C-alpha atoms as a PDB file:
ATOM      1  CA  MET A   1     106.551  -6.999 216.788  1.00  0.00           C
ATOM      2  CA  LYS A   2     103.213  -6.544 215.264  1.00  0.00           C
ATOM      3  CA  ALA A   3     102.114 -10.300 215.923  1.00  0.00           C
ATOM      4  CA  LEU A   4      99.895 -11.621 218.431  1.00  0.00           C
ATOM      5  CA  LEU A   5     101.702 -12.571 220.935  1.00  0.00           C
ATOM      6  CA  LEU A   6     102.198 -13.090 224.625  1.00  0.00           C
ATOM      7  CA  MET A   7     105.638 -11.651 225.948  1.00  0.00           C
ATOM      8  CA  LEU A   8     107.264 -14.117 228.260  1.00  0.00           C
ATOM      9  CA  THR A   9     110.316 -12.309 230.070  1.00  0.00           C
ATOM     10  CA  LEU A  10     112.039 -15.350 231.911  1.00  0.00           C
ATOM     11  CA  LEU A  11     114.981 -14.466 234.570  1.00  0.00           C
ATOM     12  CA  LEU A  12     116.545 -17.097 235.629  1.00  0.00           C
ATOM     13  CA  ALA A  13     115.470 -18.931 238.276  1.00  0.00           C
ATOM     14  CA  GLY A  14     114.260 -22.040 239.446  1.00  0.00           C
ATOM     15  CA  HIS A  15     116.547 -25.016 237.555  1.00  0.00           C
ATOM     16  CA  VAL A  16     119.420 -22.297 236.766  1.00  0.00           C
ATOM     17  CA  SER A  17     122.625 -23.166 238.081  1.00  0.00           C
ATOM     18  CA  SER A  18     124.014 -19.651 239.670  1.00  0.00           C
ATOM     19  CA  THR A  19     122.333 -16.824 241.432  1.00  0.00           C
ATOM     20  CA  SER A  20     123.624 -13.747 238.968  1.00  0.00           C
ATOM     21  CA  ALA A  21     120.737 -12.452 236.778  1.00  0.00           C
ATOM     22  CA  ALA A  22     121.077 -13.275 233.073  1.00  0.00           C
ATOM     23  CA  PRO A  23     117.565 -12.749 231.215  1.00  0.00           C
ATOM     24  CA  VAL A  24     116.772 -14.838 228.358  1.00  0.00           C
ATOM     25  CA  ARG A  25     113.166 -13.085 226.302  1.00  0.00           C
ATOM     26  CA  LEU A  26     110.329 -15.384 224.573  1.00  0.00           C
ATOM     27  CA  ASP A  27     108.128 -13.587 222.551  1.00  0.00           C
ATOM     28  CA  GLY A  28     105.207 -15.650 221.651  1.00  0.00           C
ATOM     29  CA  GLU A  29     102.306 -18.218 223.266  1.00  0.00           C
ATOM     30  CA  ILE A  30     103.315 -21.454 224.758  1.00  0.00           C
ATOM     31  CA  VAL A  31     100.546 -22.677 223.135  1.00  0.00           C
ATOM     32  CA  GLN A  32      99.684 -25.461 220.540  1.00  0.00           C
ATOM     33  CA  GLY A  33     100.918 -24.073 216.899  1.00  0.00           C
ATOM     34  CA  ALA A  34     102.380 -21.688 218.356  1.00  0.00           C
ATOM     35  CA  LEU A  35     106.013 -19.883 217.124  1.00  0.00           C
ATOM     36  CA  VAL A  36     108.373 -19.266 220.137  1.00  0.00           C
ATOM     37  CA  PHE A  37     111.195 -16.285 219.414  1.00  0.00           C
ATOM     38  CA  GLY A  38     113.423 -16.093 221.947  1.00  0.00           C
ATOM     39  CA  GLN A  39     116.503 -13.559 222.991  1.00  0.00           C
ATOM     40  CA  ALA A  40     119.771 -14.611 224.826  1.00  0.00           C
ATOM     41  CA  PRO A  41     122.739 -12.564 225.236  1.00  0.00           C
ATOM     42  CA  VAL A  42     124.683 -12.707 222.173  1.00  0.00           C
ATOM     43  CA  GLY A  43     127.600 -15.334 222.489  1.00  0.00           C
ATOM     44  CA  SER A  44     124.854 -17.739 223.597  1.00  0.00           C
ATOM     45  CA  ARG A  45     124.131 -21.371 222.755  1.00  0.00           C
ATOM     46  CA  VAL A  46     120.602 -22.978 222.872  1.00  0.00           C
ATOM     47  CA  GLU A  47     118.858 -26.159 223.189  1.00  0.00           C
ATOM     48  CA  LEU A  48     115.680 -27.648 222.902  1.00  0.00           C
ATOM     49  CA  ASP A  49     115.348 -30.942 224.407  1.00  0.00           C
ATOM     50  CA  GLY A  50     118.688 -31.389 224.026  1.00  0.00           C
ATOM     51  CA  GLU A  51     119.133 -30.791 220.202  1.00  0.00           C
ATOM     52  CA  ALA A  52     120.755 -27.588 219.339  1.00  0.00           C
ATOM     53  CA  LEU A  53     118.995 -24.248 217.786  1.00  0.00           C
ATOM     54  CA  MET A  54     120.489 -21.791 215.204  1.00  0.00           C
ATOM     55  CA  VAL A  55     121.200 -18.549 216.643  1.00  0.00           C
ATOM     56  CA  SER A  56     121.867 -15.236 215.184  1.00  0.00           C
ATOM     57  CA  GLU A  57     123.303 -12.486 217.253  1.00  0.00           C
ATOM     58  CA  GLY A  58     121.053 -14.144 220.801  1.00  0.00           C
ATOM     59  CA  HIS A  59     117.925 -14.754 218.674  1.00  0.00           C
ATOM     60  CA  PHE A  60     116.693 -17.985 218.177  1.00  0.00           C
ATOM     61  CA  VAL A  61     113.257 -19.315 216.787  1.00  0.00           C
ATOM     62  CA  PHE A  62     110.911 -22.659 217.275  1.00  0.00           C
ATOM     63  CA  GLY A  63     107.841 -24.137 217.228  1.00  0.00           C
ATOM     64  CA  PHE A  64     104.855 -26.196 218.822  1.00  0.00           C
ATOM     65  CA  GLY A  65     103.203 -28.542 217.245  1.00  0.00           C
ATOM     66  CA  ARG A  66      99.264 -28.912 216.791  1.00  0.00           C
ATOM     67  CA  ASP A  67      99.381 -31.790 218.628  1.00  0.00           C
ATOM     68  CA  GLU A  68     101.862 -31.664 220.695  1.00  0.00           C
ATOM     69  CA  THR A  69     101.519 -32.137 224.822  1.00  0.00           C
ATOM     70  CA  GLN A  70     104.401 -32.957 226.431  1.00  0.00           C
ATOM     71  CA  ALA A  71     106.194 -30.322 227.911  1.00  0.00           C
ATOM     72  CA  ARG A  72     109.636 -28.923 225.921  1.00  0.00           C
ATOM     73  CA  GLU A  73     112.840 -28.559 227.796  1.00  0.00           C
ATOM     74  CA  LEU A  74     114.505 -25.081 226.628  1.00  0.00           C
ATOM     75  CA  THR A  75     118.402 -24.821 227.794  1.00  0.00           C
ATOM     76  CA  VAL A  76     120.352 -21.729 227.334  1.00  0.00           C
ATOM     77  CA  PHE A  77     124.791 -21.987 227.775  1.00  0.00           C
ATOM     78  CA  LEU A  78     125.456 -18.029 228.475  1.00  0.00           C
ATOM     79  CA  PRO A  79     128.364 -16.880 227.721  1.00  0.00           C
ATOM     80  CA  ASP A  80     129.828 -16.507 230.891  1.00  0.00           C
ATOM     81  CA  GLY A  81     129.364 -20.583 231.156  1.00  0.00           C
ATOM     82  CA  GLU A  82     125.607 -20.551 233.330  1.00  0.00           C
ATOM     83  CA  ARG A  83     122.997 -22.225 232.319  1.00  0.00           C
ATOM     84  CA  TRP A  84     119.798 -21.052 232.002  1.00  0.00           C
ATOM     85  CA  GLN A  85     116.507 -23.246 231.600  1.00  0.00           C
ATOM     86  CA  ARG A  86     112.805 -23.458 231.440  1.00  0.00           C
ATOM     87  CA  SER A  87     110.432 -26.292 230.989  1.00  0.00           C
ATOM     88  CA  LEU A  88     108.176 -25.324 228.598  1.00  0.00           C
ATOM     89  CA  GLN A  89     104.146 -26.774 228.887  1.00  0.00           C
ATOM     90  CA  PRO A  90     102.241 -26.258 225.087  1.00  0.00           C
ATOM     91  CA  ALA A  91      98.125 -24.830 226.415  1.00  0.00           C
ATOM     92  CA  GLU A  92      95.776 -27.337 224.033  1.00  0.00           C
ATOM     93  CA  ARG A  93      93.331 -25.575 221.849  1.00  0.00           C
ATOM     94  CA  GLU A  94      89.997 -26.916 220.628  1.00  0.00           C
ATOM     95  CA  PHE A  95      90.346 -27.193 216.740  1.00  0.00           C
ATOM     96  CA  ARG A  96      87.519 -27.192 214.642  1.00  0.00           C
ATOM     97  CA  ILE A  97      85.402 -29.561 212.387  1.00  0.00           C
ATOM     98  CA  GLU A  98      84.849 -28.410 208.797  1.00  0.00           C
ATOM     99  CA  ARG A  99      82.566 -30.544 205.945  1.00  0.00           C
ATOM    100  CA  VAL A 100      83.342 -29.786 202.162  1.00  0.00           C
ATOM    101  CA  ASP A 101      80.934 -32.195 200.228  1.00  0.00           C
ATOM    102  CA  GLY A 102      80.328 -32.098 196.581  1.00  0.00           C
ATOM    103  CA  LEU A 103      84.536 -32.101 195.292  1.00  0.00           C
ATOM    104  CA  ASN A 104      86.035 -34.493 192.494  1.00  0.00           C
ATOM    105  CA  GLN A 105      86.223 -37.829 193.758  1.00  0.00           C
ATOM    106  CA  ASN A 106      89.753 -37.719 192.492  1.00  0.00           C
ATOM    107  CA  HIS A 107      90.815 -34.695 194.400  1.00  0.00           C
ATOM    108  CA  VAL A 108      89.315 -36.523 197.249  1.00  0.00           C
ATOM    109  CA  THR A 109      91.197 -40.101 196.733  1.00  0.00           C
ATOM    110  CA  PRO A 110      93.908 -39.394 193.879  1.00  0.00           C
ATOM    111  CA  PRO A 111      93.867 -41.561 190.768  1.00  0.00           C
ATOM    112  CA  PRO A 112      96.820 -43.875 190.754  1.00  0.00           C
ATOM    113  CA  GLU A 113      98.176 -42.593 187.691  1.00  0.00           C
ATOM    114  CA  VAL A 114      98.911 -39.231 189.078  1.00  0.00           C
ATOM    115  CA  TYR A 115     100.722 -40.988 192.070  1.00  0.00           C
ATOM    116  CA  GLU A 116     104.028 -40.332 190.604  1.00  0.00           C
ATOM    117  CA  ARG A 117     103.429 -36.744 190.264  1.00  0.00           C
ATOM    118  CA  ILE A 118     102.394 -36.580 193.444  1.00  0.00           C
ATOM    119  CA  ARG A 119     105.581 -37.778 194.931  1.00  0.00           C
ATOM    120  CA  GLN A 120     108.091 -35.646 192.365  1.00  0.00           C
ATOM    121  CA  ASP A 121     106.195 -32.650 193.925  1.00  0.00           C
ATOM    122  CA  ALA A 122     106.521 -33.756 197.564  1.00  0.00           C
ATOM    123  CA  ALA A 123     110.374 -33.796 196.971  1.00  0.00           C
ATOM    124  CA  LEU A 124     110.536 -30.567 195.416  1.00  0.00           C
ATOM    125  CA  THR A 125     108.997 -28.471 198.667  1.00  0.00           C
ATOM    126  CA  ARG A 126     110.851 -30.983 200.736  1.00  0.00           C
ATOM    127  CA  GLN A 127     113.958 -29.908 198.899  1.00  0.00           C
ATOM    128  CA  ALA A 128     112.972 -26.291 198.932  1.00  0.00           C
ATOM    129  CA  ARG A 129     113.251 -26.312 202.907  1.00  0.00           C
ATOM    130  CA  THR A 130     116.278 -27.895 203.805  1.00  0.00           C
ATOM    131  CA  LEU A 131     118.121 -24.052 203.820  1.00  0.00           C
ATOM    132  CA  ARG A 132     119.381 -23.259 206.913  1.00  0.00           C
ATOM    133  CA  ASP A 133     121.180 -19.944 207.437  1.00  0.00           C
ATOM    134  CA  ALA A 134     121.343 -17.008 209.935  1.00  0.00           C
ATOM    135  CA  ARG A 135     119.022 -13.855 208.631  1.00  0.00           C
ATOM    136  CA  THR A 136     116.382 -13.301 210.898  1.00  0.00           C
ATOM    137  CA  ASP A 137     113.826 -11.798 208.277  1.00  0.00           C
ATOM    138  CA  TRP A 138     111.186 -12.105 211.466  1.00  0.00           C
ATOM    139  CA  LEU A 139     112.144  -9.348 213.499  1.00  0.00           C
ATOM    140  CA  ASP A 140     110.032  -6.970 211.363  1.00  0.00           C
ATOM    141  CA  GLY A 141     107.009  -8.598 212.549  1.00  0.00           C
ATOM    142  CA  TRP A 142     104.136  -9.803 210.337  1.00  0.00           C
ATOM    143  CA  ILE A 143     101.263  -8.152 208.304  1.00  0.00           C
ATOM    144  CA  TRP A 144      98.856 -10.239 206.185  1.00  0.00           C
ATOM    145  CA  PRO A 145     100.060 -11.777 202.870  1.00  0.00           C
ATOM    146  CA  ALA A 146      96.090 -10.694 201.769  1.00  0.00           C
ATOM    147  CA  GLN A 147      92.767  -8.820 202.213  1.00  0.00           C
ATOM    148  CA  GLY A 148      89.856 -10.658 202.158  1.00  0.00           C
ATOM    149  CA  ARG A 149      87.605 -13.180 204.499  1.00  0.00           C
ATOM    150  CA  ILE A 150      89.233 -15.860 206.279  1.00  0.00           C
ATOM    151  CA  SER A 151      87.584 -19.237 204.697  1.00  0.00           C
ATOM    152  CA  GLY A 152      89.525 -21.761 206.309  1.00  0.00           C
ATOM    153  CA  VAL A 153      92.187 -22.117 210.086  1.00  0.00           C
ATOM    154  CA  TYR A 154      94.721 -24.100 210.850  1.00  0.00           C
ATOM    155  CA  GLY A 155      94.316 -26.845 212.598  1.00  0.00           C
ATOM    156  CA  SER A 156      90.587 -27.633 211.807  1.00  0.00           C
ATOM    157  CA  GLN A 157      89.971 -31.063 210.369  1.00  0.00           C
ATOM    158  CA  ARG A 158      88.181 -31.773 206.990  1.00  0.00           C
ATOM    159  CA  ILE A 159      85.569 -34.402 205.766  1.00  0.00           C
ATOM    160  CA  LEU A 160      85.467 -34.301 202.303  1.00  0.00           C
ATOM    161  CA  ASN A 161      82.589 -35.997 200.560  1.00  0.00           C
ATOM    162  CA  GLY A 162      82.392 -37.538 203.899  1.00  0.00           C
ATOM    163  CA  GLU A 163      85.989 -39.320 204.767  1.00  0.00           C
ATOM    164  CA  PRO A 164      87.917 -37.804 207.315  1.00  0.00           C
ATOM    165  CA  ARG A 165      91.013 -36.097 206.095  1.00  0.00           C
ATOM    166  CA  ASN A 166      94.442 -34.611 207.687  1.00  0.00           C
ATOM    167  CA  PRO A 167      94.533 -31.532 209.737  1.00  0.00           C
ATOM    168  CA  HIS A 168      94.217 -28.022 207.496  1.00  0.00           C
ATOM    169  CA  TRP A 169      97.753 -26.626 207.656  1.00  0.00           C
ATOM    170  CA  GLY A 170      97.059 -23.221 206.522  1.00  0.00           C
ATOM    171  CA  LEU A 171      94.978 -19.877 207.090  1.00  0.00           C
ATOM    172  CA  ASP A 172      92.416 -19.290 203.971  1.00  0.00           C
ATOM    173  CA  ILE A 173      91.993 -15.945 202.879  1.00  0.00           C
ATOM    174  CA  ALA A 174      89.203 -16.080 200.605  1.00  0.00           C
ATOM    175  CA  ALA A 175      89.708 -13.153 197.576  1.00  0.00           C
ATOM    176  CA  PRO A 176      88.577 -13.439 193.967  1.00  0.00           C
ATOM    177  CA  THR A 177      91.118 -14.546 191.650  1.00  0.00           C
ATOM    178  CA  GLY A 178      93.864 -12.326 190.493  1.00  0.00           C
ATOM    179  CA  THR A 179      94.300 -10.507 194.114  1.00  0.00           C
ATOM    180  CA  LEU A 180      97.347  -9.532 195.198  1.00  0.00           C
ATOM    181  CA  VAL A 181      99.557 -11.544 197.422  1.00  0.00           C
ATOM    182  CA  VAL A 182     102.801  -9.411 199.332  1.00  0.00           C
ATOM    183  CA  ALA A 183     105.250 -11.046 201.382  1.00  0.00           C
ATOM    184  CA  PRO A 184     104.591 -11.400 205.136  1.00  0.00           C
ATOM    185  CA  ALA A 185     107.396 -10.735 206.308  1.00  0.00           C
ATOM    186  CA  GLY A 186     110.709 -10.680 203.910  1.00  0.00           C
ATOM    187  CA  GLY A 187     112.660 -13.333 202.936  1.00  0.00           C
ATOM    188  CA  LEU A 188     114.652 -15.670 200.435  1.00  0.00           C
ATOM    189  CA  VAL A 189     112.074 -17.257 197.414  1.00  0.00           C
ATOM    190  CA  THR A 190     112.921 -21.372 197.632  1.00  0.00           C
ATOM    191  CA  LEU A 191     109.990 -22.396 195.707  1.00  0.00           C
ATOM    192  CA  ALA A 192     108.461 -21.004 192.934  1.00  0.00           C
ATOM    193  CA  GLU A 193     105.954 -23.947 191.192  1.00  0.00           C
ATOM    194  CA  ASP A 194     103.306 -23.095 188.612  1.00  0.00           C
ATOM    195  CA  ASP A 195     101.062 -26.420 189.010  1.00  0.00           C
ATOM    196  CA  LEU A 196     101.788 -28.858 191.805  1.00  0.00           C
ATOM    197  CA  TYR A 197      98.870 -31.323 191.867  1.00  0.00           C
ATOM    198  CA  TYR A 198      97.597 -30.646 195.259  1.00  0.00           C
ATOM    199  CA  SER A 199      98.056 -26.772 195.709  1.00  0.00           C
ATOM    200  CA  GLY A 200      98.591 -25.613 192.155  1.00  0.00           C
ATOM    201  CA  GLY A 201     100.716 -22.486 191.725  1.00  0.00           C
ATOM    202  CA  THR A 202     102.735 -22.300 194.915  1.00  0.00           C
ATOM    203  CA  LEU A 203     105.428 -20.157 196.094  1.00  0.00           C
ATOM    204  CA  PHE A 204     108.156 -20.707 199.494  1.00  0.00           C
ATOM    205  CA  ILE A 205     109.716 -17.872 200.736  1.00  0.00           C
ATOM    206  CA  ASP A 206     112.737 -18.514 203.523  1.00  0.00           C
ATOM    207  CA  HIS A 207     112.624 -16.228 206.407  1.00  0.00           C
ATOM    208  CA  GLY A 208     116.185 -17.313 207.834  1.00  0.00           C
ATOM    209  CA  HIS A 209     116.511 -20.546 210.425  1.00  0.00           C
ATOM    210  CA  GLY A 210     114.527 -22.778 208.551  1.00  0.00           C
ATOM    211  CA  LEU A 211     111.554 -20.809 209.178  1.00  0.00           C
ATOM    212  CA  VAL A 212     109.679 -21.342 205.891  1.00  0.00           C
ATOM    213  CA  SER A 213     105.830 -19.265 204.680  1.00  0.00           C
ATOM    214  CA  ALA A 214     104.376 -21.410 202.069  1.00  0.00           C
ATOM    215  CA  PHE A 215     101.428 -19.720 199.576  1.00  0.00           C
ATOM    216  CA  LEU A 216      99.413 -21.970 197.580  1.00  0.00           C
ATOM    217  CA  HIS A 217      96.687 -22.074 194.539  1.00  0.00           C
ATOM    218  CA  LEU A 218      98.347 -18.827 193.546  1.00  0.00           C
ATOM    219  CA  ASP A 219      97.142 -17.487 189.667  1.00  0.00           C
ATOM    220  CA  GLU A 220     100.309 -16.144 189.199  1.00  0.00           C
ATOM    221  CA  LEU A 221     103.510 -15.945 190.636  1.00  0.00           C
ATOM    222  CA  LEU A 222     105.676 -12.508 190.619  1.00  0.00           C
ATOM    223  CA  VAL A 223     109.302 -13.619 191.807  1.00  0.00           C
ATOM    224  CA  GLU A 224     111.428 -16.071 190.814  1.00  0.00           C
ATOM    225  CA  VAL A 225     113.844 -18.267 193.142  1.00  0.00           C
ATOM    226  CA  GLY A 226     116.662 -16.907 194.667  1.00  0.00           C
ATOM    227  CA  GLU A 227     115.292 -13.534 194.825  1.00  0.00           C
ATOM    228  CA  ARG A 228     115.313 -11.724 197.264  1.00  0.00           C
ATOM    229  CA  VAL A 229     111.452  -9.885 198.796  1.00  0.00           C
ATOM    230  CA  GLU A 230     110.856  -7.096 201.315  1.00  0.00           C
ATOM    231  CA  GLN A 231     108.081  -7.370 203.520  1.00  0.00           C
ATOM    232  CA  GLY A 232     104.660  -6.007 202.059  1.00  0.00           C
ATOM    233  CA  GLN A 233     106.543  -6.562 198.243  1.00  0.00           C
ATOM    234  CA  GLN A 234     103.746  -8.022 195.573  1.00  0.00           C
ATOM    235  CA  ILE A 235     104.608 -11.425 195.078  1.00  0.00           C
ATOM    236  CA  ALA A 236     101.745 -13.758 193.981  1.00  0.00           C
ATOM    237  CA  ARG A 237      98.441 -12.960 193.130  1.00  0.00           C
ATOM    238  CA  ILE A 238      95.309 -14.899 194.482  1.00  0.00           C
ATOM    239  CA  GLY A 239      93.746 -18.197 192.454  1.00  0.00           C
ATOM    240  CA  ALA A 240      91.954 -21.647 192.840  1.00  0.00           C
ATOM    241  CA  THR A 241      94.615 -23.360 191.488  1.00  0.00           C
ATOM    242  CA  GLY A 242      95.523 -27.175 192.147  1.00  0.00           C
ATOM    243  CA  ARG A 243      93.057 -28.760 194.656  1.00  0.00           C
ATOM    244  CA  ALA A 244      90.566 -25.961 195.341  1.00  0.00           C
ATOM    245  CA  THR A 245      87.310 -24.966 195.730  1.00  0.00           C
ATOM    246  CA  GLY A 246      87.228 -21.489 195.044  1.00  0.00           C
ATOM    247  CA  PRO A 247      89.786 -18.744 195.227  1.00  0.00           C
ATOM    248  CA  HIS A 248      91.976 -18.292 198.381  1.00  0.00           C
ATOM    249  CA  LEU A 249      95.318 -18.545 199.162  1.00  0.00           C
ATOM    250  CA  ASP A 250      95.776 -20.898 201.716  1.00  0.00           C
ATOM    251  CA  TRP A 251      99.517 -20.010 203.867  1.00  0.00           C
ATOM    252  CA  ARG A 252     101.124 -21.831 205.739  1.00  0.00           C
ATOM    253  CA  ILE A 253     104.487 -21.818 208.059  1.00  0.00           C
ATOM    254  CA  ASN A 254     106.894 -24.411 208.564  1.00  0.00           C
ATOM    255  CA  ILE A 255     109.943 -24.175 211.487  1.00  0.00           C
ATOM    256  CA  GLY A 256     112.470 -26.929 210.299  1.00  0.00           C
ATOM    257  CA  PRO A 257     109.381 -30.046 210.186  1.00  0.00           C
ATOM    258  CA  VAL A 258     106.615 -28.553 212.568  1.00  0.00           C
ATOM    259  CA  ARG A 259     103.749 -27.016 211.381  1.00  0.00           C
ATOM    260  CA  VAL A 260     102.745 -23.613 212.597  1.00  0.00           C
ATOM    261  CA  ASP A 261      99.634 -21.505 212.529  1.00  0.00           C
ATOM    262  CA  PRO A 262     100.241 -17.920 210.705  1.00  0.00           C
ATOM    263  CA  GLN A 263      97.267 -16.556 212.552  1.00  0.00           C
ATOM    264  CA  LEU A 264      99.129 -16.656 215.377  1.00  0.00           C
ATOM    265  CA  LEU A 265     101.692 -14.161 214.439  1.00  0.00           C
ATOM    266  CA  LEU A 266      99.015 -11.278 212.985  1.00  0.00           C
ATOM    267  CA  GLU A 267      97.186  -8.514 214.887  1.00  0.00           C
ATOM    268  CA  ALA A 268      93.741  -8.857 216.418  1.00  0.00           C
ATOM    269  CA  ALA A 269      91.957  -7.483 213.663  1.00  0.00           C
ATOM    270  CA  ALA A 270      90.690  -9.594 210.478  1.00  0.00           C
ATOM    271  CA  PRO A 271      92.340  -8.243 207.359  1.00  0.00           C
END
């Protein structure tokens, strides 16, 4: 893969119920905010903390949240009836604090008359993340969705006009309005909205198994809901729409309800 990942090749040991070899491979750092991509023998069944994960030809994916500190129990039930288990303890990270002053106070604390609009926007985005299918578009790796300066990082907590807010969930890439955005991986467009209250022009691409990229504050959308996009395809243009202090792309990734760090998927070099 093109991503900056820690390759872990895990062989049967410890918790395994028999001594025969049946390798399970995990690609990804075991750290807060990381995605982990797994491969097991075709026909295997996989559980994380007792809950079934989707498996496509032996491939599966899961993630660790920003604040996770407890070990996760990964179990693979092999086609021959054997069982492979591993306890995965995420390493803790330090996240930075950012102060942003001079914002319009209505964007820090929205006025009551926009609450219904915010609720409707939230319902749209939740619905766009409900798709679960067997595609594995992540297998081709990841590329930068835009060129520009990194102006915000995952996990940082922002203090807006002196008020502590929720952590930032994306990777911000600052660039002039109109800068092209490309698909970091292939997928299916599940949301394309020109004007959401917080995120302005907003685009979602589902990469399979409930792994979704979100692109926020866009000036122009170049694809539509239901459209299949390939890695590197032009999908939008950077803007400063919604709740933004300047033109930039806010790229976020969810695996189901878990918000993960896009930057961990990319090569070490900045764009």
